[in-house]
Amino acid sequence: MKLKVVLELAEEGGYVVSIPALPGCWSQGETRDEAIANIREAAIGWLEAQQDKIERTHPPTDVDLINL
């Protein structure tokens, strides 16, 4: 899965990073690489939380996991 990531310089230093396609999915890091690693982890958590939410309201008939 490819998602657009927005990196911004933070006022206090480092970077703030978000994924517009995943509302509320934000992270930060001291370096660009750290910020990207952190947003990747945040995106995985965001997607897992959404999957759990969907499964509670609509039990799945079949589930498969994919690597990001």
PDB file of N, CA and C in Angstrom:
ATOM      1  N   MET A   1       0.848  -1.167   0.000  1.00  0.00           N
ATOM      2  CA  MET A   1       0.000   0.000   0.000  1.00  0.00           C
ATOM      3  C   MET A   1       0.895   1.231   0.000  1.00  0.00           C
ATOM      4  N   LYS A   2       0.592   2.165  -0.850  1.00  0.00           N
ATOM      5  CA  LYS A   2       1.328   3.427  -0.888  1.00  0.00           C
ATOM      6  C   LYS A   2       0.406   4.536  -0.408  1.00  0.00           C
ATOM      7  N   LEU A   3       0.923   5.347   0.505  1.00  0.00           N
ATOM      8  CA  LEU A   3       0.167   6.470   1.048  1.00  0.00           C
ATOM      9  C   LEU A   3       1.024   7.727   0.989  1.00  0.00           C
ATOM     10  N   LYS A   4       0.397   8.853   0.685  1.00  0.00           N
ATOM     11  CA  LYS A   4       1.109  10.123   0.672  1.00  0.00           C
ATOM     12  C   LYS A   4       1.385  10.560   2.101  1.00  0.00           C
ATOM     13  N   VAL A   5       2.636  10.941   2.360  1.00  0.00           N
ATOM     14  CA  VAL A   5       3.070  11.394   3.674  1.00  0.00           C
ATOM     15  C   VAL A   5       3.452  12.866   3.558  1.00  0.00           C
ATOM     16  N   VAL A   6       3.003  13.678   4.504  1.00  0.00           N
ATOM     17  CA  VAL A   6       3.325  15.098   4.523  1.00  0.00           C
ATOM     18  C   VAL A   6       4.287  15.361   5.670  1.00  0.00           C
ATOM     19  N   LEU A   7       5.472  15.849   5.345  1.00  0.00           N
ATOM     20  CA  LEU A   7       6.495  16.194   6.336  1.00  0.00           C
ATOM     21  C   LEU A   7       6.561  17.711   6.473  1.00  0.00           C
ATOM     22  N   GLU A   8       6.564  18.191   7.703  1.00  0.00           N
ATOM     23  CA  GLU A   8       6.692  19.620   7.957  1.00  0.00           C
ATOM     24  C   GLU A   8       7.754  19.828   9.026  1.00  0.00           C
ATOM     25  N   LEU A   9       8.515  20.895   8.889  1.00  0.00           N
ATOM     26  CA  LEU A   9       9.478  21.227   9.929  1.00  0.00           C
ATOM     27  C   LEU A   9       8.717  21.703  11.165  1.00  0.00           C
ATOM     28  N   ALA A  10       9.063  21.161  12.318  1.00  0.00           N
ATOM     29  CA  ALA A  10       8.430  21.564  13.570  1.00  0.00           C
ATOM     30  C   ALA A  10       9.096  22.841  14.076  1.00  0.00           C
ATOM     31  N   GLU A  11       8.334  23.713  14.723  1.00  0.00           N
ATOM     32  CA  GLU A  11       8.869  24.968  15.247  1.00  0.00           C
ATOM     33  C   GLU A  11       9.999  24.729  16.237  1.00  0.00           C
ATOM     34  N   GLU A  12       9.871  23.679  17.035  1.00  0.00           N
ATOM     35  CA  GLU A  12      10.872  23.388  18.060  1.00  0.00           C
ATOM     36  C   GLU A  12      12.003  22.503  17.539  1.00  0.00           C
ATOM     37  N   GLY A  13      12.016  22.214  16.255  1.00  0.00           N
ATOM     38  CA  GLY A  13      13.027  21.359  15.645  1.00  0.00           C
ATOM     39  C   GLY A  13      12.449  20.002  15.304  1.00  0.00           C
ATOM     40  N   GLY A  14      13.097  19.318  14.408  1.00  0.00           N
ATOM     41  CA  GLY A  14      12.606  18.018  13.977  1.00  0.00           C
ATOM     42  C   GLY A  14      11.483  18.169  12.962  1.00  0.00           C
ATOM     43  N   TYR A  15      10.703  17.111  12.828  1.00  0.00           N
ATOM     44  CA  TYR A  15       9.639  17.063  11.829  1.00  0.00           C
ATOM     45  C   TYR A  15       8.328  16.588  12.440  1.00  0.00           C
ATOM     46  N   VAL A  16       7.251  17.115  11.889  1.00  0.00           N
ATOM     47  CA  VAL A  16       5.906  16.624  12.160  1.00  0.00           C
ATOM     48  C   VAL A  16       5.456  15.974  10.863  1.00  0.00           C
ATOM     49  N   VAL A  17       4.847  14.818  10.955  1.00  0.00           N
ATOM     50  CA  VAL A  17       4.483  14.070   9.754  1.00  0.00           C
ATOM     51  C   VAL A  17       3.062  13.541   9.896  1.00  0.00           C
ATOM     52  N   SER A  18       2.335  13.542   8.778  1.00  0.00           N
ATOM     53  CA  SER A  18       0.957  13.043   8.792  1.00  0.00           C
ATOM     54  C   SER A  18       0.664  12.314   7.489  1.00  0.00           C
ATOM     55  N   ILE A  19      -0.439  11.570   7.521  1.00  0.00           N
ATOM     56  CA  ILE A  19      -0.937  10.895   6.323  1.00  0.00           C
ATOM     57  C   ILE A  19      -2.367  11.397   6.112  1.00  0.00           C
ATOM     58  N   PRO A  20      -2.577  12.276   5.141  1.00  0.00           N
ATOM     59  CA  PRO A  20      -3.906  12.862   4.935  1.00  0.00           C
ATOM     60  C   PRO A  20      -5.016  11.826   4.723  1.00  0.00           C
ATOM     61  N   ALA A  21      -4.714  10.687   4.123  1.00  0.00           N
ATOM     62  CA  ALA A  21      -5.730   9.667   3.863  1.00  0.00           C
ATOM     63  C   ALA A  21      -6.185   8.946   5.131  1.00  0.00           C
ATOM     64  N   LEU A  22      -5.435   9.103   6.233  1.00  0.00           N
ATOM     65  CA  LEU A  22      -5.768   8.452   7.499  1.00  0.00           C
ATOM     66  C   LEU A  22      -6.004   9.551   8.542  1.00  0.00           C
ATOM     67  N   PRO A  23      -7.229  10.034   8.670  1.00  0.00           N
ATOM     68  CA  PRO A  23      -7.518  11.153   9.573  1.00  0.00           C
ATOM     69  C   PRO A  23      -6.998  10.906  10.987  1.00  0.00           C
ATOM     70  N   GLY A  24      -6.256  11.884  11.500  1.00  0.00           N
ATOM     71  CA  GLY A  24      -5.727  11.781  12.850  1.00  0.00           C
ATOM     72  C   GLY A  24      -4.434  11.000  12.955  1.00  0.00           C
ATOM     73  N   CYS A  25      -3.893  10.548  11.847  1.00  0.00           N
ATOM     74  CA  CYS A  25      -2.648   9.777  11.866  1.00  0.00           C
ATOM     75  C   CYS A  25      -1.473  10.743  11.727  1.00  0.00           C
ATOM     76  N   TRP A  26      -0.884  11.086  12.871  1.00  0.00           N
ATOM     77  CA  TRP A  26       0.222  12.027  12.959  1.00  0.00           C
ATOM     78  C   TRP A  26       1.356  11.403  13.740  1.00  0.00           C
ATOM     79  N   SER A  27       2.566  11.864  13.502  1.00  0.00           N
ATOM     80  CA  SER A  27       3.706  11.468  14.311  1.00  0.00           C
ATOM     81  C   SER A  27       4.762  12.552  14.204  1.00  0.00           C
ATOM     82  N   GLN A  28       5.946  12.278  14.733  1.00  0.00           N
ATOM     83  CA  GLN A  28       7.033  13.250  14.679  1.00  0.00           C
ATOM     84  C   GLN A  28       8.360  12.512  14.759  1.00  0.00           C
ATOM     85  N   GLY A  29       9.427  13.241  14.551  1.00  0.00           N
ATOM     86  CA  GLY A  29      10.760  12.668  14.680  1.00  0.00           C
ATOM     87  C   GLY A  29      11.806  13.753  14.616  1.00  0.00           C
ATOM     88  N   GLU A  30      12.957  13.490  15.185  1.00  0.00           N
ATOM     89  CA  GLU A  30      14.056  14.462  15.177  1.00  0.00           C
ATOM     90  C   GLU A  30      14.667  14.606  13.783  1.00  0.00           C
ATOM     91  N   THR A  31      14.685  13.508  13.020  1.00  0.00           N
ATOM     92  CA  THR A  31      15.215  13.532  11.658  1.00  0.00           C
ATOM     93  C   THR A  31      14.109  13.097  10.694  1.00  0.00           C
ATOM     94  N   ARG A  32      14.354  13.341   9.409  1.00  0.00           N
ATOM     95  CA  ARG A  32      13.384  12.927   8.390  1.00  0.00           C
ATOM     96  C   ARG A  32      13.179  11.417   8.439  1.00  0.00           C
ATOM     97  N   ASP A  33      14.266  10.663   8.529  1.00  0.00           N
ATOM     98  CA  ASP A  33      14.176   9.200   8.566  1.00  0.00           C
ATOM     99  C   ASP A  33      13.417   8.713   9.792  1.00  0.00           C
ATOM    100  N   GLU A  34      13.686   9.330  10.944  1.00  0.00           N
ATOM    101  CA  GLU A  34      12.981   8.942  12.163  1.00  0.00           C
ATOM    102  C   GLU A  34      11.489   9.258  12.054  1.00  0.00           C
ATOM    103  N   ALA A  35      11.161  10.417  11.485  1.00  0.00           N
ATOM    104  CA  ALA A  35       9.761  10.798  11.322  1.00  0.00           C
ATOM    105  C   ALA A  35       9.031   9.820  10.402  1.00  0.00           C
ATOM    106  N   ILE A  36       9.680   9.413   9.331  1.00  0.00           N
ATOM    107  CA  ILE A  36       9.052   8.463   8.402  1.00  0.00           C
ATOM    108  C   ILE A  36       8.886   7.099   9.062  1.00  0.00           C
ATOM    109  N   ALA A  37       9.879   6.652   9.806  1.00  0.00           N
ATOM    110  CA  ALA A  37       9.750   5.374  10.521  1.00  0.00           C
ATOM    111  C   ALA A  37       8.608   5.441  11.527  1.00  0.00           C
ATOM    112  N   ASN A  38       8.489   6.567  12.218  1.00  0.00           N
ATOM    113  CA  ASN A  38       7.425   6.724  13.216  1.00  0.00           C
ATOM    114  C   ASN A  38       6.047   6.783  12.583  1.00  0.00           C
ATOM    115  N   ILE A  39       5.914   7.443  11.429  1.00  0.00           N
ATOM    116  CA  ILE A  39       4.587   7.525  10.798  1.00  0.00           C
ATOM    117  C   ILE A  39       4.212   6.169  10.207  1.00  0.00           C
ATOM    118  N   ARG A  40       5.198   5.392   9.774  1.00  0.00           N
ATOM    119  CA  ARG A  40       4.904   4.038   9.283  1.00  0.00           C
ATOM    120  C   ARG A  40       4.294   3.208  10.417  1.00  0.00           C
ATOM    121  N   GLU A  41       4.906   3.290  11.596  1.00  0.00           N
ATOM    122  CA  GLU A  41       4.393   2.577  12.763  1.00  0.00           C
ATOM    123  C   GLU A  41       3.003   3.094  13.155  1.00  0.00           C
ATOM    124  N   ALA A  42       2.820   4.407  13.101  1.00  0.00           N
ATOM    125  CA  ALA A  42       1.511   4.997  13.427  1.00  0.00           C
ATOM    126  C   ALA A  42       0.442   4.545  12.433  1.00  0.00           C
ATOM    127  N   ALA A  43       0.798   4.467  11.151  1.00  0.00           N
ATOM    128  CA  ALA A  43      -0.156   4.043  10.127  1.00  0.00           C
ATOM    129  C   ALA A  43      -0.581   2.599  10.345  1.00  0.00           C
ATOM    130  N   ILE A  44       0.360   1.744  10.687  1.00  0.00           N
ATOM    131  CA  ILE A  44       0.023   0.345  10.950  1.00  0.00           C
ATOM    132  C   ILE A  44      -0.938   0.266  12.131  1.00  0.00           C
ATOM    133  N   GLY A  45      -0.649   1.010  13.189  1.00  0.00           N
ATOM    134  CA  GLY A  45      -1.552   1.045  14.347  1.00  0.00           C
ATOM    135  C   GLY A  45      -2.915   1.593  13.993  1.00  0.00           C
ATOM    136  N   TRP A  46      -2.950   2.648  13.180  1.00  0.00           N
ATOM    137  CA  TRP A  46      -4.217   3.257  12.758  1.00  0.00           C
ATOM    138  C   TRP A  46      -5.046   2.236  11.995  1.00  0.00           C
ATOM    139  N   LEU A  47      -4.417   1.549  11.046  1.00  0.00           N
ATOM    140  CA  LEU A  47      -5.132   0.565  10.233  1.00  0.00           C
ATOM    141  C   LEU A  47      -5.615  -0.622  11.073  1.00  0.00           C
ATOM    142  N   GLU A  48      -4.797  -1.071  12.020  1.00  0.00           N
ATOM    143  CA  GLU A  48      -5.221  -2.162  12.901  1.00  0.00           C
ATOM    144  C   GLU A  48      -6.404  -1.747  13.758  1.00  0.00           C
ATOM    145  N   ALA A  49      -6.380  -0.525  14.270  1.00  0.00           N
ATOM    146  CA  ALA A  49      -7.493  -0.029  15.090  1.00  0.00           C
ATOM    147  C   ALA A  49      -8.778   0.054  14.272  1.00  0.00           C
ATOM    148  N   GLN A  50      -8.673   0.505  13.036  1.00  0.00           N
ATOM    149  CA  GLN A  50      -9.854   0.584  12.174  1.00  0.00           C
ATOM    150  C   GLN A  50     -10.382  -0.809  11.862  1.00  0.00           C
ATOM    151  N   GLN A  51      -9.474  -1.755  11.634  1.00  0.00           N
ATOM    152  CA  GLN A  51      -9.897  -3.134  11.361  1.00  0.00           C
ATOM    153  C   GLN A  51     -10.629  -3.705  12.564  1.00  0.00           C
ATOM    154  N   ASP A  52     -10.102  -3.478  13.770  1.00  0.00           N
ATOM    155  CA  ASP A  52     -10.764  -3.956  14.986  1.00  0.00           C
ATOM    156  C   ASP A  52     -12.151  -3.346  15.116  1.00  0.00           C
ATOM    157  N   LYS A  53     -12.258  -2.055  14.810  1.00  0.00           N
ATOM    158  CA  LYS A  53     -13.549  -1.356  14.886  1.00  0.00           C
ATOM    159  C   LYS A  53     -14.551  -1.965  13.901  1.00  0.00           C
ATOM    160  N   ILE A  54     -14.096  -2.236  12.698  1.00  0.00           N
ATOM    161  CA  ILE A  54     -14.964  -2.830  11.670  1.00  0.00           C
ATOM    162  C   ILE A  54     -15.390  -4.231  12.095  1.00  0.00           C
ATOM    163  N   GLU A  55     -14.456  -5.021  12.610  1.00  0.00           N
ATOM    164  CA  GLU A  55     -14.769  -6.388  13.006  1.00  0.00           C
ATOM    165  C   GLU A  55     -15.782  -6.441  14.148  1.00  0.00           C
ATOM    166  N   ARG A  56     -15.736  -5.456  15.046  1.00  0.00           N
ATOM    167  CA  ARG A  56     -16.709  -5.429  16.152  1.00  0.00           C
ATOM    168  C   ARG A  56     -18.119  -5.148  15.643  1.00  0.00           C
ATOM    169  N   THR A  57     -18.245  -4.333  14.603  1.00  0.00           N
ATOM    170  CA  THR A  57     -19.568  -3.987  14.090  1.00  0.00           C
ATOM    171  C   THR A  57     -20.024  -4.903  12.960  1.00  0.00           C
ATOM    172  N   HIS A  58     -19.072  -5.481  12.229  1.00  0.00           N
ATOM    173  CA  HIS A  58     -19.377  -6.369  11.102  1.00  0.00           C
ATOM    174  C   HIS A  58     -18.414  -7.548  11.129  1.00  0.00           C
ATOM    175  N   PRO A  59     -18.745  -8.627  11.818  1.00  0.00           N
ATOM    176  CA  PRO A  59     -17.816  -9.760  11.880  1.00  0.00           C
ATOM    177  C   PRO A  59     -17.420 -10.230  10.491  1.00  0.00           C
ATOM    178  N   PRO A  60     -16.121 -10.465  10.268  1.00  0.00           N
ATOM    179  CA  PRO A  60     -15.648 -10.849   8.939  1.00  0.00           C
ATOM    180  C   PRO A  60     -15.982 -12.283   8.587  1.00  0.00           C
ATOM    181  N   THR A  61     -16.101 -12.519   7.298  1.00  0.00           N
ATOM    182  CA  THR A  61     -16.257 -13.887   6.827  1.00  0.00           C
ATOM    183  C   THR A  61     -14.912 -14.479   6.462  1.00  0.00           C
ATOM    184  N   ASP A  62     -13.952 -13.592   6.129  1.00  0.00           N
ATOM    185  CA  ASP A  62     -12.600 -14.017   5.800  1.00  0.00           C
ATOM    186  C   ASP A  62     -11.657 -12.862   6.072  1.00  0.00           C
ATOM    187  N   VAL A  63     -10.511 -13.123   6.671  1.00  0.00           N
ATOM    188  CA  VAL A  63      -9.549 -12.082   6.997  1.00  0.00           C
ATOM    189  C   VAL A  63      -8.177 -12.504   6.509  1.00  0.00           C
ATOM    190  N   ASP A  64      -7.445 -11.549   5.965  1.00  0.00           N
ATOM    191  CA  ASP A  64      -6.075 -11.798   5.541  1.00  0.00           C
ATOM    192  C   ASP A  64      -5.255 -10.573   5.903  1.00  0.00           C
ATOM    193  N   LEU A  65      -3.983 -10.766   6.228  1.00  0.00           N
ATOM    194  CA  LEU A  65      -3.083  -9.671   6.552  1.00  0.00           C
ATOM    195  C   LEU A  65      -2.130  -9.445   5.394  1.00  0.00           C
ATOM    196  N   ILE A  66      -1.791  -8.173   5.157  1.00  0.00           N
ATOM    197  CA  ILE A  66      -0.834  -7.834   4.105  1.00  0.00           C
ATOM    198  C   ILE A  66       0.310  -7.047   4.726  1.00  0.00           C
ATOM    199  N   ASN A  67       1.463  -7.079   4.132  1.00  0.00           N
ATOM    200  CA  ASN A  67       2.601  -6.289   4.589  1.00  0.00           C
ATOM    201  C   ASN A  67       2.544  -4.919   3.964  1.00  0.00           C
ATOM    202  N   LEU A  68       2.863  -3.898   4.751  1.00  0.00           N
ATOM    203  CA  LEU A  68       2.949  -2.535   4.226  1.00  0.00           C
ATOM    204  C   LEU A  68       4.372  -2.200   3.895  1.00  0.00           C
TER     205      LEU A  68
END
